[in-house]
Each structure stands twice: as C-alpha cells, then as structure tokens.
All heavy atoms as atom14 arrays in JSON, in Angstrom:
{
  "sequence": "GPERFVDDVVLLRIALARIAKEGGEEAAGFCTRFGEVYSKLDDDL",
  "atom14_mask": [
    [1, 1, 1, 1, 0, 0, 0, 0, 0, 0, 0, 0, 0, 0],
    [1, 1, 1, 1, 1, 1, 1, 0, 0, 0, 0, 0, 0, 0],
    [1, 1, 1, 1, 1, 1, 1, 1, 1, 0, 0, 0, 0, 0],
    [1, 1, 1, 1, 1, 1, 1, 1, 1, 1, 1, 0, 0, 0],
    [1, 1, 1, 1, 1, 1, 1, 1, 1, 1, 1, 0, 0, 0],
    [1, 1, 1, 1, 1, 1, 1, 0, 0, 0, 0, 0, 0, 0],
    [1, 1, 1, 1, 1, 1, 1, 1, 0, 0, 0, 0, 0, 0],
    [1, 1, 1, 1, 1, 1, 1, 1, 0, 0, 0, 0, 0, 0],
    [1, 1, 1, 1, 1, 1, 1, 0, 0, 0, 0, 0, 0, 0],
    [1, 1, 1, 1, 1, 1, 1, 0, 0, 0, 0, 0, 0, 0],
    [1, 1, 1, 1, 1, 1, 1, 1, 0, 0, 0, 0, 0, 0],
    [1, 1, 1, 1, 1, 1, 1, 1, 0, 0, 0, 0, 0, 0],
    [1, 1, 1, 1, 1, 1, 1, 1, 1, 1, 1, 0, 0, 0],
    [1, 1, 1, 1, 1, 1, 1, 1, 0, 0, 0, 0, 0, 0],
    [1, 1, 1, 1, 1, 0, 0, 0, 0, 0, 0, 0, 0, 0],
    [1, 1, 1, 1, 1, 1, 1, 1, 0, 0, 0, 0, 0, 0],
    [1, 1, 1, 1, 1, 0, 0, 0, 0, 0, 0, 0, 0, 0],
    [1, 1, 1, 1, 1, 1, 1, 1, 1, 1, 1, 0, 0, 0],
    [1, 1, 1, 1, 1, 1, 1, 1, 0, 0, 0, 0, 0, 0],
    [1, 1, 1, 1, 1, 0, 0, 0, 0, 0, 0, 0, 0, 0],
    [1, 1, 1, 1, 1, 1, 1, 1, 1, 0, 0, 0, 0, 0],
    [1, 1, 1, 1, 1, 1, 1, 1, 1, 0, 0, 0, 0, 0],
    [1, 1, 1, 1, 0, 0, 0, 0, 0, 0, 0, 0, 0, 0],
    [1, 1, 1, 1, 0, 0, 0, 0, 0, 0, 0, 0, 0, 0],
    [1, 1, 1, 1, 1, 1, 1, 1, 1, 0, 0, 0, 0, 0],
    [1, 1, 1, 1, 1, 1, 1, 1, 1, 0, 0, 0, 0, 0],
    [1, 1, 1, 1, 1, 0, 0, 0, 0, 0, 0, 0, 0, 0],
    [1, 1, 1, 1, 1, 0, 0, 0, 0, 0, 0, 0, 0, 0],
    [1, 1, 1, 1, 0, 0, 0, 0, 0, 0, 0, 0, 0, 0],
    [1, 1, 1, 1, 1, 1, 1, 1, 1, 1, 1, 0, 0, 0],
    [1, 1, 1, 1, 1, 1, 0, 0, 0, 0, 0, 0, 0, 0],
    [1, 1, 1, 1, 1, 1, 1, 0, 0, 0, 0, 0, 0, 0],
    [1, 1, 1, 1, 1, 1, 1, 1, 1, 1, 1, 0, 0, 0],
    [1, 1, 1, 1, 1, 1, 1, 1, 1, 1, 1, 0, 0, 0],
    [1, 1, 1, 1, 0, 0, 0, 0, 0, 0, 0, 0, 0, 0],
    [1, 1, 1, 1, 1, 1, 1, 1, 1, 0, 0, 0, 0, 0],
    [1, 1, 1, 1, 1, 1, 1, 0, 0, 0, 0, 0, 0, 0],
    [1, 1, 1, 1, 1, 1, 1, 1, 1, 1, 1, 1, 0, 0],
    [1, 1, 1, 1, 1, 1, 0, 0, 0, 0, 0, 0, 0, 0],
    [1, 1, 1, 1, 1, 1, 1, 1, 1, 0, 0, 0, 0, 0],
    [1, 1, 1, 1, 1, 1, 1, 1, 0, 0, 0, 0, 0, 0],
    [1, 1, 1, 1, 1, 1, 1, 1, 0, 0, 0, 0, 0, 0],
    [1, 1, 1, 1, 1, 1, 1, 1, 0, 0, 0, 0, 0, 0],
    [1, 1, 1, 1, 1, 1, 1, 1, 0, 0, 0, 0, 0, 0],
    [1, 1, 1, 1, 1, 1, 1, 1, 0, 0, 0, 0, 0, 0]
  ],
  "atom14_positions": [
    [[0.8, -1.21, -0.01], [0.04, -0.04, -0.05], [0.86, 1.3, -0.08], [2.1, 1.23, 0.13], [0.0, 0.0, 0.0], [0.0, 0.0, 0.0], [0.0, 0.0, 0.0], [0.0, 0.0, 0.0], [0.0, 0.0, 0.0], [0.0, 0.0, 0.0], [0.0, 0.0, 0.0], [0.0, 0.0, 0.0], [0.0, 0.0, 0.0], [0.0, 0.0, 0.0]],
    [[0.16, 2.43, -0.14], [0.93, 3.69, -0.38], [1.69, 4.08, 0.9], [2.76, 4.79, 0.86], [-0.19, 4.69, -0.62], [-1.41, 4.12, -0.12], [-1.25, 2.66, -0.21], [0.0, 0.0, 0.0], [0.0, 0.0, 0.0], [0.0, 0.0, 0.0], [0.0, 0.0, 0.0], [0.0, 0.0, 0.0], [0.0, 0.0, 0.0], [0.0, 0.0, 0.0]],
    [[1.29, 3.58, 2.1], [1.95, 4.05, 3.38], [3.46, 3.68, 3.4], [4.24, 4.31, 4.12], [1.26, 3.57, 4.59], [1.14, 2.0, 4.78], [-0.05, 1.44, 4.02], [-0.7, 2.07, 3.12], [-0.39, 0.25, 4.42], [0.0, 0.0, 0.0], [0.0, 0.0, 0.0], [0.0, 0.0, 0.0], [0.0, 0.0, 0.0], [0.0, 0.0, 0.0]],
    [[3.87, 2.65, 2.65], [5.25, 2.23, 2.74], [6.21, 3.22, 2.1], [7.44, 3.16, 2.35], [5.44, 0.85, 2.16], [5.35, 0.72, 0.65], [5.15, -0.75, 0.26], [5.3, -0.98, -1.15], [4.27, -1.01, -2.03], [3.09, -0.53, -1.57], [4.46, -1.29, -3.25], [0.0, 0.0, 0.0], [0.0, 0.0, 0.0], [0.0, 0.0, 0.0]],
    [[5.67, 4.18, 1.41], [6.62, 5.23, 0.72], [6.43, 6.6, 1.39], [7.04, 7.54, 0.89], [6.23, 5.36, -0.73], [6.5, 4.04, -1.56], [5.49, 3.32, -2.0], [7.82, 3.68, -1.75], [5.74, 2.16, -2.72], [8.12, 2.53, -2.41], [7.11, 1.71, -2.98], [0.0, 0.0, 0.0], [0.0, 0.0, 0.0], [0.0, 0.0, 0.0]],
    [[5.74, 6.75, 2.5], [5.54, 8.05, 3.14], [6.81, 8.62, 3.5], [7.1, 9.8, 3.23], [4.54, 8.01, 4.29], [4.54, 9.22, 5.13], [3.12, 7.69, 3.86], [0.0, 0.0, 0.0], [0.0, 0.0, 0.0], [0.0, 0.0, 0.0], [0.0, 0.0, 0.0], [0.0, 0.0, 0.0], [0.0, 0.0, 0.0], [0.0, 0.0, 0.0]],
    [[7.71, 7.89, 4.2], [8.99, 8.49, 4.55], [9.82, 8.81, 3.36], [10.55, 9.86, 3.44], [9.78, 7.62, 5.58], [9.97, 6.1, 5.11], [9.24, 5.72, 4.14], [10.79, 5.48, 5.6], [0.0, 0.0, 0.0], [0.0, 0.0, 0.0], [0.0, 0.0, 0.0], [0.0, 0.0, 0.0], [0.0, 0.0, 0.0], [0.0, 0.0, 0.0]],
    [[9.84, 8.04, 2.31], [10.57, 8.31, 1.11], [10.22, 9.58, 0.5], [11.09, 10.31, -0.08], [10.45, 7.14, 0.13], [11.05, 5.82, 0.62], [12.32, 5.81, 0.81], [10.31, 4.87, 0.86], [0.0, 0.0, 0.0], [0.0, 0.0, 0.0], [0.0, 0.0, 0.0], [0.0, 0.0, 0.0], [0.0, 0.0, 0.0], [0.0, 0.0, 0.0]],
    [[8.91, 9.88, 0.47], [8.39, 11.14, -0.15], [9.06, 12.38, 0.56], [9.46, 13.31, -0.09], [6.89, 11.12, -0.14], [6.3, 12.54, -0.29], [6.33, 10.23, -1.13], [0.0, 0.0, 0.0], [0.0, 0.0, 0.0], [0.0, 0.0, 0.0], [0.0, 0.0, 0.0], [0.0, 0.0, 0.0], [0.0, 0.0, 0.0], [0.0, 0.0, 0.0]],
    [[8.99, 12.26, 1.96], [9.62, 13.37, 2.7], [11.18, 13.45, 2.47], [11.68, 14.53, 2.31], [9.24, 13.21, 4.2], [9.86, 14.37, 4.99], [7.72, 13.22, 4.35], [0.0, 0.0, 0.0], [0.0, 0.0, 0.0], [0.0, 0.0, 0.0], [0.0, 0.0, 0.0], [0.0, 0.0, 0.0], [0.0, 0.0, 0.0], [0.0, 0.0, 0.0]],
    [[11.78, 12.29, 2.56], [13.24, 12.19, 2.39], [13.67, 12.76, 1.03], [14.74, 13.51, 0.95], [13.77, 10.79, 2.53], [13.77, 10.23, 3.91], [13.97, 8.73, 3.9], [14.93, 10.83, 4.73], [0.0, 0.0, 0.0], [0.0, 0.0, 0.0], [0.0, 0.0, 0.0], [0.0, 0.0, 0.0], [0.0, 0.0, 0.0], [0.0, 0.0, 0.0]],
    [[12.88, 12.52, -0.03], [13.29, 12.98, -1.33], [13.37, 14.5, -1.26], [14.24, 15.11, -1.83], [12.21, 12.55, -2.33], [12.23, 13.11, -3.82], [13.61, 12.84, -4.41], [11.19, 12.65, -4.59], [0.0, 0.0, 0.0], [0.0, 0.0, 0.0], [0.0, 0.0, 0.0], [0.0, 0.0, 0.0], [0.0, 0.0, 0.0], [0.0, 0.0, 0.0]],
    [[12.36, 15.16, -0.64], [12.38, 16.66, -0.63], [13.49, 17.2, 0.27], [14.02, 18.26, 0.03], [10.98, 17.12, -0.33], [10.22, 17.1, -1.63], [8.73, 17.28, -1.57], [8.27, 17.43, -2.92], [8.15, 16.49, -3.82], [8.48, 15.29, -3.52], [7.69, 16.74, -5.09], [0.0, 0.0, 0.0], [0.0, 0.0, 0.0], [0.0, 0.0, 0.0]],
    [[13.76, 16.5, 1.31], [14.92, 16.88, 2.22], [16.2, 16.86, 1.39], [16.99, 17.76, 1.42], [14.98, 15.99, 3.44], [13.9, 16.28, 4.39], [16.32, 16.15, 4.16], [13.73, 15.31, 5.58], [0.0, 0.0, 0.0], [0.0, 0.0, 0.0], [0.0, 0.0, 0.0], [0.0, 0.0, 0.0], [0.0, 0.0, 0.0], [0.0, 0.0, 0.0]],
    [[16.33, 15.78, 0.57], [17.49, 15.6, -0.34], [17.63, 16.67, -1.36], [18.64, 17.25, -1.6], [17.53, 14.2, -0.92], [0.0, 0.0, 0.0], [0.0, 0.0, 0.0], [0.0, 0.0, 0.0], [0.0, 0.0, 0.0], [0.0, 0.0, 0.0], [0.0, 0.0, 0.0], [0.0, 0.0, 0.0], [0.0, 0.0, 0.0], [0.0, 0.0, 0.0]],
    [[16.43, 17.05, -1.96], [16.44, 18.07, -2.97], [16.89, 19.45, -2.48], [17.67, 20.16, -3.07], [15.04, 18.15, -3.65], [14.65, 16.98, -4.48], [13.21, 17.2, -4.97], [15.56, 16.59, -5.59], [0.0, 0.0, 0.0], [0.0, 0.0, 0.0], [0.0, 0.0, 0.0], [0.0, 0.0, 0.0], [0.0, 0.0, 0.0], [0.0, 0.0, 0.0]],
    [[16.48, 19.72, -1.21], [16.92, 21.0, -0.54], [18.45, 20.98, -0.28], [19.07, 21.97, -0.51], [16.15, 21.2, 0.72], [0.0, 0.0, 0.0], [0.0, 0.0, 0.0], [0.0, 0.0, 0.0], [0.0, 0.0, 0.0], [0.0, 0.0, 0.0], [0.0, 0.0, 0.0], [0.0, 0.0, 0.0], [0.0, 0.0, 0.0], [0.0, 0.0, 0.0]],
    [[18.92, 19.88, 0.16], [20.31, 19.77, 0.4], [21.18, 19.81, -0.86], [22.31, 20.4, -0.83], [20.65, 18.45, 1.19], [20.29, 18.66, 2.67], [20.7, 17.4, 3.48], [22.08, 17.04, 3.38], [22.66, 15.99, 3.87], [21.9, 15.16, 4.58], [23.95, 15.73, 3.76], [0.0, 0.0, 0.0], [0.0, 0.0, 0.0], [0.0, 0.0, 0.0]],
    [[20.63, 19.29, -1.92], [21.32, 19.41, -3.22], [21.51, 20.82, -3.69], [22.54, 21.29, -4.09], [20.67, 18.51, -4.31], [20.88, 16.98, -3.99], [21.18, 18.85, -5.7], [19.89, 16.04, -4.76], [0.0, 0.0, 0.0], [0.0, 0.0, 0.0], [0.0, 0.0, 0.0], [0.0, 0.0, 0.0], [0.0, 0.0, 0.0], [0.0, 0.0, 0.0]],
    [[20.4, 21.59, -3.46], [20.41, 22.99, -3.8], [21.46, 23.77, -2.97], [22.12, 24.6, -3.44], [18.96, 23.58, -3.59], [0.0, 0.0, 0.0], [0.0, 0.0, 0.0], [0.0, 0.0, 0.0], [0.0, 0.0, 0.0], [0.0, 0.0, 0.0], [0.0, 0.0, 0.0], [0.0, 0.0, 0.0], [0.0, 0.0, 0.0], [0.0, 0.0, 0.0]],
    [[21.49, 23.42, -1.67], [22.4, 24.06, -0.71], [23.8, 23.73, -0.87], [24.73, 24.55, -0.74], [21.88, 23.8, 0.65], [22.34, 24.75, 1.79], [21.81, 24.41, 3.1], [22.4, 25.14, 4.26], [21.83, 24.73, 5.52], [0.0, 0.0, 0.0], [0.0, 0.0, 0.0], [0.0, 0.0, 0.0], [0.0, 0.0, 0.0], [0.0, 0.0, 0.0]],
    [[24.07, 22.44, -1.09], [25.39, 21.88, -1.1], [26.01, 21.57, -2.46], [27.08, 21.08, -2.59], [25.44, 20.57, -0.24], [24.99, 20.79, 1.23], [24.71, 19.41, 1.91], [25.27, 18.38, 1.45], [23.99, 19.43, 2.93], [0.0, 0.0, 0.0], [0.0, 0.0, 0.0], [0.0, 0.0, 0.0], [0.0, 0.0, 0.0], [0.0, 0.0, 0.0]],
    [[25.29, 21.89, -3.5], [25.62, 21.49, -4.8], [26.73, 22.35, -5.48], [27.2, 22.1, -6.54], [0.0, 0.0, 0.0], [0.0, 0.0, 0.0], [0.0, 0.0, 0.0], [0.0, 0.0, 0.0], [0.0, 0.0, 0.0], [0.0, 0.0, 0.0], [0.0, 0.0, 0.0], [0.0, 0.0, 0.0], [0.0, 0.0, 0.0], [0.0, 0.0, 0.0]],
    [[27.0, 23.48, -4.86], [28.1, 24.35, -5.41], [27.51, 25.39, -6.36], [26.31, 25.66, -6.46], [0.0, 0.0, 0.0], [0.0, 0.0, 0.0], [0.0, 0.0, 0.0], [0.0, 0.0, 0.0], [0.0, 0.0, 0.0], [0.0, 0.0, 0.0], [0.0, 0.0, 0.0], [0.0, 0.0, 0.0], [0.0, 0.0, 0.0], [0.0, 0.0, 0.0]],
    [[28.45, 25.98, -7.17], [28.07, 27.14, -8.02], [27.0, 26.77, -9.03], [26.2, 27.63, -9.47], [29.29, 27.63, -8.75], [30.25, 28.37, -7.78], [31.58, 28.86, -8.47], [31.56, 28.78, -9.75], [32.55, 29.17, -7.77], [0.0, 0.0, 0.0], [0.0, 0.0, 0.0], [0.0, 0.0, 0.0], [0.0, 0.0, 0.0], [0.0, 0.0, 0.0]],
    [[27.0, 25.54, -9.49], [26.1, 25.18, -10.55], [24.74, 24.66, -10.03], [23.92, 24.3, -10.82], [26.73, 24.01, -11.4], [28.07, 24.33, -12.04], [28.01, 25.55, -12.94], [26.96, 25.74, -13.63], [28.93, 26.47, -12.93], [0.0, 0.0, 0.0], [0.0, 0.0, 0.0], [0.0, 0.0, 0.0], [0.0, 0.0, 0.0], [0.0, 0.0, 0.0]],
    [[24.57, 24.64, -8.77], [23.33, 24.09, -8.13], [22.1, 24.94, -8.62], [21.05, 24.35, -8.9], [23.45, 24.08, -6.66], [0.0, 0.0, 0.0], [0.0, 0.0, 0.0], [0.0, 0.0, 0.0], [0.0, 0.0, 0.0], [0.0, 0.0, 0.0], [0.0, 0.0, 0.0], [0.0, 0.0, 0.0], [0.0, 0.0, 0.0], [0.0, 0.0, 0.0]],
    [[22.33, 26.31, -8.7], [21.16, 27.08, -9.04], [20.64, 26.74, -10.45], [19.39, 26.62, -10.66], [21.55, 28.58, -8.98], [0.0, 0.0, 0.0], [0.0, 0.0, 0.0], [0.0, 0.0, 0.0], [0.0, 0.0, 0.0], [0.0, 0.0, 0.0], [0.0, 0.0, 0.0], [0.0, 0.0, 0.0], [0.0, 0.0, 0.0], [0.0, 0.0, 0.0]],
    [[21.55, 26.48, -11.41], [21.12, 26.12, -12.76], [20.48, 24.74, -12.7], [19.39, 24.53, -13.47], [0.0, 0.0, 0.0], [0.0, 0.0, 0.0], [0.0, 0.0, 0.0], [0.0, 0.0, 0.0], [0.0, 0.0, 0.0], [0.0, 0.0, 0.0], [0.0, 0.0, 0.0], [0.0, 0.0, 0.0], [0.0, 0.0, 0.0], [0.0, 0.0, 0.0]],
    [[20.89, 23.85, -11.92], [20.29, 22.51, -11.8], [18.84, 22.61, -11.27], [17.93, 22.1, -11.79], [21.14, 21.62, -10.83], [20.57, 20.27, -10.65], [20.73, 19.27, -11.54], [19.81, 20.0, -9.48], [20.19, 18.04, -11.41], [19.16, 18.72, -9.31], [19.45, 17.7, -10.24], [0.0, 0.0, 0.0], [0.0, 0.0, 0.0], [0.0, 0.0, 0.0]],
    [[18.67, 23.5, -10.27], [17.32, 23.68, -9.65], [16.38, 24.31, -10.64], [15.22, 23.99, -10.66], [17.43, 24.53, -8.41], [18.52, 23.82, -7.05], [0.0, 0.0, 0.0], [0.0, 0.0, 0.0], [0.0, 0.0, 0.0], [0.0, 0.0, 0.0], [0.0, 0.0, 0.0], [0.0, 0.0, 0.0], [0.0, 0.0, 0.0], [0.0, 0.0, 0.0]],
    [[16.89, 25.12, -11.49], [16.04, 25.84, -12.44], [15.46, 24.89, -13.51], [14.35, 25.02, -13.92], [16.87, 26.9, -13.24], [17.41, 27.83, -12.34], [16.01, 27.65, -14.24], [0.0, 0.0, 0.0], [0.0, 0.0, 0.0], [0.0, 0.0, 0.0], [0.0, 0.0, 0.0], [0.0, 0.0, 0.0], [0.0, 0.0, 0.0], [0.0, 0.0, 0.0]],
    [[16.2, 23.81, -13.77], [15.76, 22.76, -14.67], [14.52, 22.05, -14.12], [13.66, 21.5, -14.92], [16.85, 21.74, -14.97], [17.83, 22.17, -15.92], [19.12, 21.32, -15.93], [18.82, 19.89, -16.05], [19.72, 18.94, -15.84], [20.96, 19.27, -15.37], [19.51, 17.68, -15.91], [0.0, 0.0, 0.0], [0.0, 0.0, 0.0], [0.0, 0.0, 0.0]],
    [[14.41, 22.01, -12.76], [13.27, 21.4, -12.14], [12.45, 22.32, -11.34], [12.13, 22.14, -10.16], [13.76, 20.22, -11.3], [14.62, 19.27, -12.03], [15.97, 19.32, -11.89], [14.07, 18.36, -12.91], [16.85, 18.45, -12.66], [14.85, 17.46, -13.65], [16.25, 17.49, -13.55], [0.0, 0.0, 0.0], [0.0, 0.0, 0.0], [0.0, 0.0, 0.0]],
    [[12.18, 23.52, -12.03], [11.54, 24.68, -11.33], [10.26, 24.41, -10.68], [9.94, 24.9, -9.65], [0.0, 0.0, 0.0], [0.0, 0.0, 0.0], [0.0, 0.0, 0.0], [0.0, 0.0, 0.0], [0.0, 0.0, 0.0], [0.0, 0.0, 0.0], [0.0, 0.0, 0.0], [0.0, 0.0, 0.0], [0.0, 0.0, 0.0], [0.0, 0.0, 0.0]],
    [[9.45, 23.51, -11.3], [8.14, 23.12, -10.81], [8.21, 22.55, -9.42], [7.36, 22.92, -8.5], [7.48, 22.17, -11.76], [5.85, 22.13, -11.53], [5.28, 21.18, -12.47], [5.74, 20.97, -13.57], [4.24, 20.62, -12.05], [0.0, 0.0, 0.0], [0.0, 0.0, 0.0], [0.0, 0.0, 0.0], [0.0, 0.0, 0.0], [0.0, 0.0, 0.0]],
    [[9.16, 21.69, -9.21], [9.36, 21.03, -7.86], [10.0, 22.03, -6.86], [9.61, 22.21, -5.77], [10.22, 19.74, -8.0], [10.56, 19.24, -6.61], [9.37, 18.69, -8.78], [0.0, 0.0, 0.0], [0.0, 0.0, 0.0], [0.0, 0.0, 0.0], [0.0, 0.0, 0.0], [0.0, 0.0, 0.0], [0.0, 0.0, 0.0], [0.0, 0.0, 0.0]],
    [[11.11, 22.67, -7.31], [11.89, 23.53, -6.47], [11.06, 24.81, -6.09], [11.38, 25.31, -4.91], [13.21, 23.94, -7.17], [14.28, 22.91, -6.81], [14.67, 21.92, -7.72], [14.93, 22.98, -5.55], [15.61, 21.05, -7.41], [15.93, 21.97, -5.24], [16.3, 21.0, -6.19], [17.23, 20.09, -5.88], [0.0, 0.0, 0.0], [0.0, 0.0, 0.0]],
    [[10.22, 25.27, -6.86], [9.46, 26.5, -6.57], [8.61, 26.25, -5.32], [8.21, 27.23, -4.63], [8.61, 26.9, -7.7], [7.55, 26.0, -7.97], [0.0, 0.0, 0.0], [0.0, 0.0, 0.0], [0.0, 0.0, 0.0], [0.0, 0.0, 0.0], [0.0, 0.0, 0.0], [0.0, 0.0, 0.0], [0.0, 0.0, 0.0], [0.0, 0.0, 0.0]],
    [[8.18, 25.04, -5.01], [7.27, 24.76, -3.85], [8.07, 24.13, -2.68], [7.54, 23.93, -1.66], [6.21, 23.71, -4.31], [5.2, 24.24, -5.33], [4.4, 23.09, -5.84], [3.44, 22.47, -4.82], [2.67, 21.35, -5.41], [0.0, 0.0, 0.0], [0.0, 0.0, 0.0], [0.0, 0.0, 0.0], [0.0, 0.0, 0.0], [0.0, 0.0, 0.0]],
    [[9.37, 23.99, -2.89], [10.11, 23.16, -1.95], [10.24, 23.78, -0.57], [10.0, 23.1, 0.5], [11.56, 22.91, -2.51], [12.39, 21.84, -1.78], [11.68, 20.52, -1.72], [13.73, 21.7, -2.4], [0.0, 0.0, 0.0], [0.0, 0.0, 0.0], [0.0, 0.0, 0.0], [0.0, 0.0, 0.0], [0.0, 0.0, 0.0], [0.0, 0.0, 0.0]],
    [[10.48, 25.04, -0.46], [10.65, 25.76, 0.83], [9.28, 25.64, 1.61], [9.33, 25.34, 2.87], [10.91, 27.21, 0.73], [12.41, 27.31, 0.31], [13.18, 26.38, 0.44], [12.8, 28.49, -0.14], [0.0, 0.0, 0.0], [0.0, 0.0, 0.0], [0.0, 0.0, 0.0], [0.0, 0.0, 0.0], [0.0, 0.0, 0.0], [0.0, 0.0, 0.0]],
    [[8.19, 25.77, 0.9], [6.86, 25.65, 1.48], [6.58, 24.22, 2.02], [6.04, 23.95, 3.05], [5.8, 26.11, 0.51], [4.61, 26.7, 1.22], [4.85, 27.3, 2.29], [3.52, 26.54, 0.71], [0.0, 0.0, 0.0], [0.0, 0.0, 0.0], [0.0, 0.0, 0.0], [0.0, 0.0, 0.0], [0.0, 0.0, 0.0], [0.0, 0.0, 0.0]],
    [[7.04, 23.23, 1.11], [6.85, 21.83, 1.44], [7.54, 21.51, 2.75], [6.98, 20.95, 3.7], [7.44, 20.97, 0.41], [6.66, 20.84, -0.86], [5.39, 21.21, -0.83], [7.22, 20.58, -1.96], [0.0, 0.0, 0.0], [0.0, 0.0, 0.0], [0.0, 0.0, 0.0], [0.0, 0.0, 0.0], [0.0, 0.0, 0.0], [0.0, 0.0, 0.0]],
    [[8.82, 21.92, 2.88], [9.68, 21.6, 4.0], [9.05, 22.29, 5.28], [9.14, 21.72, 6.36], [11.09, 21.98, 3.74], [11.85, 21.18, 2.67], [13.26, 21.67, 2.55], [11.8, 19.69, 2.9], [0.0, 0.0, 0.0], [0.0, 0.0, 0.0], [0.0, 0.0, 0.0], [0.0, 0.0, 0.0], [0.0, 0.0, 0.0], [0.0, 0.0, 0.0]]
  ]
}
C-alpha cells in the first residue's frame, strides 16, 4: 500500500533541498531545470 513510501516522499524533498544548498556554483542552474518542484520546496519543508 501507499503508506510504505511516506517516509521516502519526505526524504526525497529533504535531499532536493540539500542538493540546492550543497551542490556548489552550478546548483542554481540545476534547480532551475526542475523549477516546478523547487518552486514549492521551501513551503513543502
């Protein structure tokens, strides 16, 4: 059932935020490629 992925869904967004923060100079460009997800990320967290 869907409940087995609940923690993974949250972990994925924690990881995406850390990639943005720790990814270096090119991280901003990477985040822009996935703007739909990253635009809501701060609010999600």
